[in-house]
């Protein structure tokens, strides 16, 4: 017989988040939390930029295999230059 966990064990709610915040304050101190949040935000931004660059490179690679893509890029360059 296979036992499954009930669906009530999902994302933490209000009381759980307060407990997690309290533990974070105890571990890192109230002065370090803004720096920790800022560095986490910067890391997420770098990750998103890297992912976007990778997606753009993949699209350019796919487009370069398409013979009409070169014509479209040439037309877009002419429009941008005007």
PDB file of N, CA and C in Angstrom:
ATOM      1  N   UNK A   1       0.845  -1.174   0.000  1.00  0.00           N
ATOM      2  CA  UNK A   1       0.000   0.000   0.000  1.00  0.00           C
ATOM      3  C   UNK A   1       0.894   1.242   0.000  1.00  0.00           C
ATOM      4  N   UNK A   2       0.598   2.182  -0.882  1.00  0.00           N
ATOM      5  CA  UNK A   2       1.370   3.409  -0.992  1.00  0.00           C
ATOM      6  C   UNK A   2       0.633   4.508  -0.244  1.00  0.00           C
ATOM      7  N   UNK A   3       1.369   5.179   0.635  1.00  0.00           N
ATOM      8  CA  UNK A   3       0.793   6.304   1.380  1.00  0.00           C
ATOM      9  C   UNK A   3       1.241   7.599   0.730  1.00  0.00           C
ATOM     10  N   UNK A   4       0.322   8.507   0.549  1.00  0.00           N
ATOM     11  CA  UNK A   4       0.664   9.810  -0.013  1.00  0.00           C
ATOM     12  C   UNK A   4       0.434  10.888   1.034  1.00  0.00           C
ATOM     13  N   UNK A   5       1.188  11.957   0.906  1.00  0.00           N
ATOM     14  CA  UNK A   5       1.009  13.084   1.814  1.00  0.00           C
ATOM     15  C   UNK A   5      -0.231  13.867   1.413  1.00  0.00           C
ATOM     16  N   UNK A   6      -0.965  14.343   2.373  1.00  0.00           N
ATOM     17  CA  UNK A   6      -2.124  15.171   2.026  1.00  0.00           C
ATOM     18  C   UNK A   6      -1.673  16.480   1.395  1.00  0.00           C
ATOM     19  N   UNK A   7      -2.548  17.124   0.670  1.00  0.00           N
ATOM     20  CA  UNK A   7      -2.221  18.351  -0.039  1.00  0.00           C
ATOM     21  C   UNK A   7      -2.072  19.553   0.877  1.00  0.00           C
ATOM     22  N   UNK A   8      -2.329  19.391   2.166  1.00  0.00           N
ATOM     23  CA  UNK A   8      -2.226  20.516   3.079  1.00  0.00           C
ATOM     24  C   UNK A   8      -0.775  20.925   3.336  1.00  0.00           C
ATOM     25  N   UNK A   9       0.196  20.121   2.902  1.00  0.00           N
ATOM     26  CA  UNK A   9       1.605  20.477   3.062  1.00  0.00           C
ATOM     27  C   UNK A   9       2.082  21.179   1.799  1.00  0.00           C
ATOM     28  N   UNK A  10       1.678  22.411   1.636  1.00  0.00           N
ATOM     29  CA  UNK A  10       2.036  23.190   0.457  1.00  0.00           C
ATOM     30  C   UNK A  10       2.987  24.309   0.833  1.00  0.00           C
ATOM     31  N   UNK A  11       2.760  25.453   0.273  1.00  0.00           N
ATOM     32  CA  UNK A  11       3.576  26.622   0.565  1.00  0.00           C
ATOM     33  C   UNK A  11       3.250  27.140   1.959  1.00  0.00           C
ATOM     34  N   UNK A  12       4.252  27.707   2.632  1.00  0.00           N
ATOM     35  CA  UNK A  12       3.990  28.218   3.981  1.00  0.00           C
ATOM     36  C   UNK A  12       3.033  29.405   3.961  1.00  0.00           C
ATOM     37  N   UNK A  13       2.167  29.447   4.932  1.00  0.00           N
ATOM     38  CA  UNK A  13       1.196  30.530   5.049  1.00  0.00           C
ATOM     39  C   UNK A  13       1.684  31.606   6.002  1.00  0.00           C
ATOM     40  N   UNK A  14       0.763  32.390   6.549  1.00  0.00           N
ATOM     41  CA  UNK A  14       1.091  33.518   7.409  1.00  0.00           C
ATOM     42  C   UNK A  14       1.889  33.162   8.652  1.00  0.00           C
ATOM     43  N   UNK A  15       1.373  32.276   9.522  1.00  0.00           N
ATOM     44  CA  UNK A  15       2.118  31.950  10.749  1.00  0.00           C
ATOM     45  C   UNK A  15       3.484  31.302  10.462  1.00  0.00           C
ATOM     46  N   UNK A  16       3.535  30.466   9.432  1.00  0.00           N
ATOM     47  CA  UNK A  16       4.800  29.819   9.084  1.00  0.00           C
ATOM     48  C   UNK A  16       5.823  30.837   8.606  1.00  0.00           C
ATOM     49  N   UNK A  17       5.360  31.815   7.824  1.00  0.00           N
ATOM     50  CA  UNK A  17       6.278  32.851   7.338  1.00  0.00           C
ATOM     51  C   UNK A  17       6.815  33.697   8.487  1.00  0.00           C
ATOM     52  N   UNK A  18       5.980  33.975   9.468  1.00  0.00           N
ATOM     53  CA  UNK A  18       6.447  34.730  10.635  1.00  0.00           C
ATOM     54  C   UNK A  18       7.519  33.958  11.395  1.00  0.00           C
ATOM     55  N   UNK A  19       7.327  32.664  11.536  1.00  0.00           N
ATOM     56  CA  UNK A  19       8.319  31.832  12.224  1.00  0.00           C
ATOM     57  C   UNK A  19       9.624  31.815  11.439  1.00  0.00           C
ATOM     58  N   UNK A  20       9.542  31.688  10.121  1.00  0.00           N
ATOM     59  CA  UNK A  20      10.740  31.688   9.279  1.00  0.00           C
ATOM     60  C   UNK A  20      11.459  33.028   9.378  1.00  0.00           C
ATOM     61  N   UNK A  21      10.716  34.133   9.353  1.00  0.00           N
ATOM     62  CA  UNK A  21      11.312  35.458   9.488  1.00  0.00           C
ATOM     63  C   UNK A  21      11.988  35.616  10.847  1.00  0.00           C
ATOM     64  N   UNK A  22      11.348  35.131  11.898  1.00  0.00           N
ATOM     65  CA  UNK A  22      11.923  35.209  13.239  1.00  0.00           C
ATOM     66  C   UNK A  22      13.239  34.439  13.310  1.00  0.00           C
ATOM     67  N   UNK A  23      13.270  33.251  12.737  1.00  0.00           N
ATOM     68  CA  UNK A  23      14.498  32.442  12.725  1.00  0.00           C
ATOM     69  C   UNK A  23      15.589  33.143  11.907  1.00  0.00           C
ATOM     70  N   UNK A  24      15.211  33.762  10.785  1.00  0.00           N
ATOM     71  CA  UNK A  24      16.191  34.485   9.971  1.00  0.00           C
ATOM     72  C   UNK A  24      16.780  35.655  10.749  1.00  0.00           C
ATOM     73  N   UNK A  25      15.953  36.368  11.505  1.00  0.00           N
ATOM     74  CA  UNK A  25      16.446  37.486  12.318  1.00  0.00           C
ATOM     75  C   UNK A  25      17.399  36.969  13.388  1.00  0.00           C
ATOM     76  N   UNK A  26      17.079  35.831  13.980  1.00  0.00           N
ATOM     77  CA  UNK A  26      17.962  35.259  14.996  1.00  0.00           C
ATOM     78  C   UNK A  26      19.293  34.819  14.388  1.00  0.00           C
ATOM     79  N   UNK A  27      19.257  34.226  13.205  1.00  0.00           N
ATOM     80  CA  UNK A  27      20.479  33.716  12.585  1.00  0.00           C
ATOM     81  C   UNK A  27      21.362  34.828  12.042  1.00  0.00           C
ATOM     82  N   UNK A  28      20.781  35.776  11.331  1.00  0.00           N
ATOM     83  CA  UNK A  28      21.568  36.772  10.622  1.00  0.00           C
ATOM     84  C   UNK A  28      21.616  38.125  11.324  1.00  0.00           C
ATOM     85  N   UNK A  29      20.684  38.400  12.193  1.00  0.00           N
ATOM     86  CA  UNK A  29      20.625  39.706  12.838  1.00  0.00           C
ATOM     87  C   UNK A  29      19.811  40.665  11.991  1.00  0.00           C
ATOM     88  N   UNK A  30      19.164  41.594  12.643  1.00  0.00           N
ATOM     89  CA  UNK A  30      18.274  42.530  11.952  1.00  0.00           C
ATOM     90  C   UNK A  30      19.044  43.443  11.006  1.00  0.00           C
ATOM     91  N   UNK A  31      20.306  43.740  11.300  1.00  0.00           N
ATOM     92  CA  UNK A  31      21.090  44.633  10.453  1.00  0.00           C
ATOM     93  C   UNK A  31      21.517  43.972   9.154  1.00  0.00           C
ATOM     94  N   UNK A  32      21.669  42.661   9.140  1.00  0.00           N
ATOM     95  CA  UNK A  32      22.147  41.953   7.954  1.00  0.00           C
ATOM     96  C   UNK A  32      21.023  41.569   6.988  1.00  0.00           C
ATOM     97  N   UNK A  33      19.783  41.556   7.443  1.00  0.00           N
ATOM     98  CA  UNK A  33      18.678  41.117   6.582  1.00  0.00           C
ATOM     99  C   UNK A  33      18.495  41.982   5.340  1.00  0.00           C
ATOM    100  N   UNK A  34      18.566  43.322   5.413  1.00  0.00           N
ATOM    101  CA  UNK A  34      18.441  44.104   4.178  1.00  0.00           C
ATOM    102  C   UNK A  34      19.555  43.806   3.170  1.00  0.00           C
ATOM    103  N   UNK A  35      20.783  43.619   3.660  1.00  0.00           N
ATOM    104  CA  UNK A  35      21.890  43.281   2.768  1.00  0.00           C
ATOM    105  C   UNK A  35      21.675  41.916   2.129  1.00  0.00           C
ATOM    106  N   UNK A  36      21.180  40.970   2.927  1.00  0.00           N
ATOM    107  CA  UNK A  36      20.905  39.631   2.411  1.00  0.00           C
ATOM    108  C   UNK A  36      19.808  39.670   1.353  1.00  0.00           C
ATOM    109  N   UNK A  37      18.750  40.441   1.601  1.00  0.00           N
ATOM    110  CA  UNK A  37      17.660  40.561   0.633  1.00  0.00           C
ATOM    111  C   UNK A  37      18.143  41.248  -0.640  1.00  0.00           C
ATOM    112  N   UNK A  38      18.981  42.281  -0.504  1.00  0.00           N
ATOM    113  CA  UNK A  38      19.501  42.997  -1.666  1.00  0.00           C
ATOM    114  C   UNK A  38      20.373  42.081  -2.525  1.00  0.00           C
ATOM    115  N   UNK A  39      21.262  41.335  -1.897  1.00  0.00           N
ATOM    116  CA  UNK A  39      22.133  40.445  -2.665  1.00  0.00           C
ATOM    117  C   UNK A  39      21.335  39.313  -3.312  1.00  0.00           C
ATOM    118  N   UNK A  40      20.285  38.856  -2.649  1.00  0.00           N
ATOM    119  CA  UNK A  40      19.423  37.835  -3.262  1.00  0.00           C
ATOM    120  C   UNK A  40      18.709  38.399  -4.482  1.00  0.00           C
ATOM    121  N   UNK A  41      18.240  39.622  -4.387  1.00  0.00           N
ATOM    122  CA  UNK A  41      17.587  40.269  -5.521  1.00  0.00           C
ATOM    123  C   UNK A  41      18.541  40.477  -6.681  1.00  0.00           C
ATOM    124  N   UNK A  42      19.773  40.874  -6.387  1.00  0.00           N
ATOM    125  CA  UNK A  42      20.768  41.051  -7.443  1.00  0.00           C
ATOM    126  C   UNK A  42      21.085  39.724  -8.112  1.00  0.00           C
ATOM    127  N   UNK A  43      21.192  38.661  -7.333  1.00  0.00           N
ATOM    128  CA  UNK A  43      21.473  37.343  -7.893  1.00  0.00           C
ATOM    129  C   UNK A  43      20.327  36.884  -8.799  1.00  0.00           C
ATOM    130  N   UNK A  44      19.100  37.142  -8.380  1.00  0.00           N
ATOM    131  CA  UNK A  44      17.957  36.770  -9.214  1.00  0.00           C
ATOM    132  C   UNK A  44      17.953  37.573 -10.509  1.00  0.00           C
ATOM    133  N   UNK A  45      18.313  38.862 -10.437  1.00  0.00           N
ATOM    134  CA  UNK A  45      18.393  39.700 -11.631  1.00  0.00           C
ATOM    135  C   UNK A  45      19.451  39.190 -12.596  1.00  0.00           C
ATOM    136  N   UNK A  46      20.618  38.804 -12.067  1.00  0.00           N
ATOM    137  CA  UNK A  46      21.673  38.256 -12.920  1.00  0.00           C
ATOM    138  C   UNK A  46      21.221  36.957 -13.577  1.00  0.00           C
ATOM    139  N   UNK A  47      20.531  36.130 -12.823  1.00  0.00           N
ATOM    140  CA  UNK A  47      20.027  34.870 -13.372  1.00  0.00           C
ATOM    141  C   UNK A  47      19.041  35.132 -14.507  1.00  0.00           C
ATOM    142  N   UNK A  48      18.133  36.091 -14.306  1.00  0.00           N
ATOM    143  CA  UNK A  48      17.151  36.406 -15.351  1.00  0.00           C
ATOM    144  C   UNK A  48      17.825  36.964 -16.593  1.00  0.00           C
ATOM    145  N   UNK A  49      18.835  37.841 -16.404  1.00  0.00           N
ATOM    146  CA  UNK A  49      19.566  38.393 -17.549  1.00  0.00           C
ATOM    147  C   UNK A  49      20.289  37.291 -18.312  1.00  0.00           C
ATOM    148  N   UNK A  50      20.931  36.390 -17.586  1.00  0.00           N
ATOM    149  CA  UNK A  50      21.632  35.283 -18.222  1.00  0.00           C
ATOM    150  C   UNK A  50      20.675  34.376 -18.991  1.00  0.00           C
ATOM    151  N   UNK A  51      19.520  34.117 -18.406  1.00  0.00           N
ATOM    152  CA  UNK A  51      18.526  33.282 -19.076  1.00  0.00           C
ATOM    153  C   UNK A  51      18.017  33.962 -20.341  1.00  0.00           C
ATOM    154  N   UNK A  52      17.787  35.272 -20.266  1.00  0.00           N
ATOM    155  CA  UNK A  52      17.306  36.015 -21.434  1.00  0.00           C
ATOM    156  C   UNK A  52      18.356  36.030 -22.538  1.00  0.00           C
ATOM    157  N   UNK A  53      19.623  36.213 -22.175  1.00  0.00           N
ATOM    158  CA  UNK A  53      20.693  36.186 -23.168  1.00  0.00           C
ATOM    159  C   UNK A  53      20.775  34.824 -23.848  1.00  0.00           C
ATOM    160  N   UNK A  54      20.632  33.766 -23.053  1.00  0.00           N
ATOM    161  CA  UNK A  54      20.671  32.415 -23.612  1.00  0.00           C
ATOM    162  C   UNK A  54      19.497  32.189 -24.561  1.00  0.00           C
ATOM    163  N   UNK A  55      18.309  32.637 -24.167  1.00  0.00           N
ATOM    164  CA  UNK A  55      17.142  32.500 -25.038  1.00  0.00           C
ATOM    165  C   UNK A  55      17.335  33.274 -26.338  1.00  0.00           C
ATOM    166  N   UNK A  56      17.927  34.481 -26.243  1.00  0.00           N
ATOM    167  CA  UNK A  56      18.175  35.285 -27.440  1.00  0.00           C
ATOM    168  C   UNK A  56      19.173  34.588 -28.363  1.00  0.00           C
ATOM    169  N   UNK A  57      20.231  33.998 -27.787  1.00  0.00           N
ATOM    170  CA  UNK A  57      21.208  33.285 -28.598  1.00  0.00           C
ATOM    171  C   UNK A  57      20.574  32.088 -29.287  1.00  0.00           C
ATOM    172  N   UNK A  58      19.718  31.379 -28.580  1.00  0.00           N
ATOM    173  CA  UNK A  58      19.046  30.217 -29.173  1.00  0.00           C
ATOM    174  C   UNK A  58      18.149  30.665 -30.319  1.00  0.00           C
ATOM    175  N   UNK A  59      17.414  31.774 -30.114  1.00  0.00           N
ATOM    176  CA  UNK A  59      16.546  32.278 -31.181  1.00  0.00           C
ATOM    177  C   UNK A  59      17.367  32.701 -32.389  1.00  0.00           C
ATOM    178  N   UNK A  60      18.518  33.368 -32.142  1.00  0.00           N
ATOM    179  CA  UNK A  60      19.371  33.763 -33.266  1.00  0.00           C
ATOM    180  C   UNK A  60      19.916  32.540 -33.988  1.00  0.00           C
ATOM    181  N   UNK A  61      20.237  31.496 -33.242  1.00  0.00           N
ATOM    182  CA  UNK A  61      20.726  30.262 -33.851  1.00  0.00           C
ATOM    183  C   UNK A  61      19.662  29.600 -34.700  1.00  0.00           C
ATOM    184  N   UNK A  62      18.445  29.587 -34.222  1.00  0.00           N
ATOM    185  CA  UNK A  62      17.336  29.004 -34.981  1.00  0.00           C
ATOM    186  C   UNK A  62      17.061  29.855 -36.207  1.00  0.00           C
ATOM    187  N   UNK A  63      17.092  31.190 -36.028  1.00  0.00           N
ATOM    188  CA  UNK A  63      16.833  32.087 -37.145  1.00  0.00           C
ATOM    189  C   UNK A  63      17.910  31.971 -38.218  1.00  0.00           C
ATOM    190  N   UNK A  64      19.156  31.722 -37.811  1.00  0.00           N
ATOM    191  CA  UNK A  64      20.225  31.647 -38.803  1.00  0.00           C
ATOM    192  C   UNK A  64      20.073  30.411 -39.677  1.00  0.00           C
ATOM    193  N   UNK A  65      19.376  29.396 -39.196  1.00  0.00           N
ATOM    194  CA  UNK A  65      19.114  28.205 -40.013  1.00  0.00           C
ATOM    195  C   UNK A  65      17.991  28.461 -41.010  1.00  0.00           C
ATOM    196  N   UNK A  66      17.188  29.487 -40.756  1.00  0.00           N
ATOM    197  CA  UNK A  66      16.053  29.820 -41.611  1.00  0.00           C
ATOM    198  C   UNK A  66      16.520  30.813 -42.684  1.00  0.00           C
ATOM    199  N   UNK A  67      16.403  30.475 -43.977  1.00  0.00           N
ATOM    200  CA  UNK A  67      16.904  31.379 -45.016  1.00  0.00           C
ATOM    201  C   UNK A  67      16.173  32.714 -45.070  1.00  0.00           C
ATOM    202  N   UNK A  68      14.921  32.779 -44.679  1.00  0.00           N
ATOM    203  CA  UNK A  68      14.188  34.049 -44.721  1.00  0.00           C
ATOM    204  C   UNK A  68      14.545  34.943 -43.540  1.00  0.00           C
ATOM    205  N   UNK A  69      15.154  34.380 -42.494  1.00  0.00           N
ATOM    206  CA  UNK A  69      15.491  35.161 -41.310  1.00  0.00           C
ATOM    207  C   UNK A  69      16.528  36.224 -41.634  1.00  0.00           C
ATOM    208  N   UNK A  70      17.481  35.908 -42.504  1.00  0.00           N
ATOM    209  CA  UNK A  70      18.496  36.888 -42.882  1.00  0.00           C
ATOM    210  C   UNK A  70      17.868  38.084 -43.572  1.00  0.00           C
ATOM    211  N   UNK A  71      16.890  37.836 -44.438  1.00  0.00           N
ATOM    212  CA  UNK A  71      16.206  38.930 -45.132  1.00  0.00           C
ATOM    213  C   UNK A  71      15.438  39.797 -44.129  1.00  0.00           C
ATOM    214  N   UNK A  72      14.785  39.161 -43.159  1.00  0.00           N
ATOM    215  CA  UNK A  72      14.019  39.906 -42.154  1.00  0.00           C
ATOM    216  C   UNK A  72      14.950  40.772 -41.309  1.00  0.00           C
ATOM    217  N   UNK A  73      16.117  40.248 -40.916  1.00  0.00           N
ATOM    218  CA  UNK A  73      17.060  41.033 -40.126  1.00  0.00           C
ATOM    219  C   UNK A  73      17.581  42.206 -40.935  1.00  0.00           C
ATOM    220  N   UNK A  74      17.812  41.986 -42.229  1.00  0.00           N
ATOM    221  CA  UNK A  74      18.293  43.062 -43.089  1.00  0.00           C
ATOM    222  C   UNK A  74      17.241  44.167 -43.194  1.00  0.00           C
ATOM    223  N   UNK A  75      15.964  43.768 -43.333  1.00  0.00           N
ATOM    224  CA  UNK A  75      14.884  44.753 -43.411  1.00  0.00           C
ATOM    225  C   UNK A  75      14.743  45.514 -42.100  1.00  0.00           C
ATOM    226  N   UNK A  76      14.879  44.811 -40.958  1.00  0.00           N
ATOM    227  CA  UNK A  76      14.787  45.467 -39.655  1.00  0.00           C
ATOM    228  C   UNK A  76      15.930  46.458 -39.474  1.00  0.00           C
ATOM    229  N   UNK A  77      17.124  46.123 -39.947  1.00  0.00           N
ATOM    230  CA  UNK A  77      18.262  47.026 -39.848  1.00  0.00           C
ATOM    231  C   UNK A  77      18.036  48.280 -40.667  1.00  0.00           C
ATOM    232  N   UNK A  78      17.429  48.127 -41.837  1.00  0.00           N
ATOM    233  CA  UNK A  78      17.134  49.297 -42.683  1.00  0.00           C
ATOM    234  C   UNK A  78      16.114  50.199 -42.004  1.00  0.00           C
ATOM    235  N   UNK A  79      15.117  49.605 -41.374  1.00  0.00           N
ATOM    236  CA  UNK A  79      14.090  50.389 -40.680  1.00  0.00           C
ATOM    237  C   UNK A  79      14.711  51.123 -39.500  1.00  0.00           C
ATOM    238  N   UNK A  80      15.572  50.435 -38.741  1.00  0.00           N
ATOM    239  CA  UNK A  80      16.217  51.066 -37.581  1.00  0.00           C
ATOM    240  C   UNK A  80      17.129  52.200 -38.008  1.00  0.00           C
ATOM    241  N   UNK A  81      17.769  52.062 -39.175  1.00  0.00           N
ATOM    242  CA  UNK A  81      18.698  53.095 -39.638  1.00  0.00           C
ATOM    243  C   UNK A  81      17.963  54.345 -40.112  1.00  0.00           C
ATOM    244  N   UNK A  82      16.718  54.174 -40.514  1.00  0.00           N
ATOM    245  CA  UNK A  82      15.954  55.319 -41.062  1.00  0.00           C
ATOM    246  C   UNK A  82      15.495  56.272 -40.003  1.00  0.00           C
TER     247      UNK A  82
END
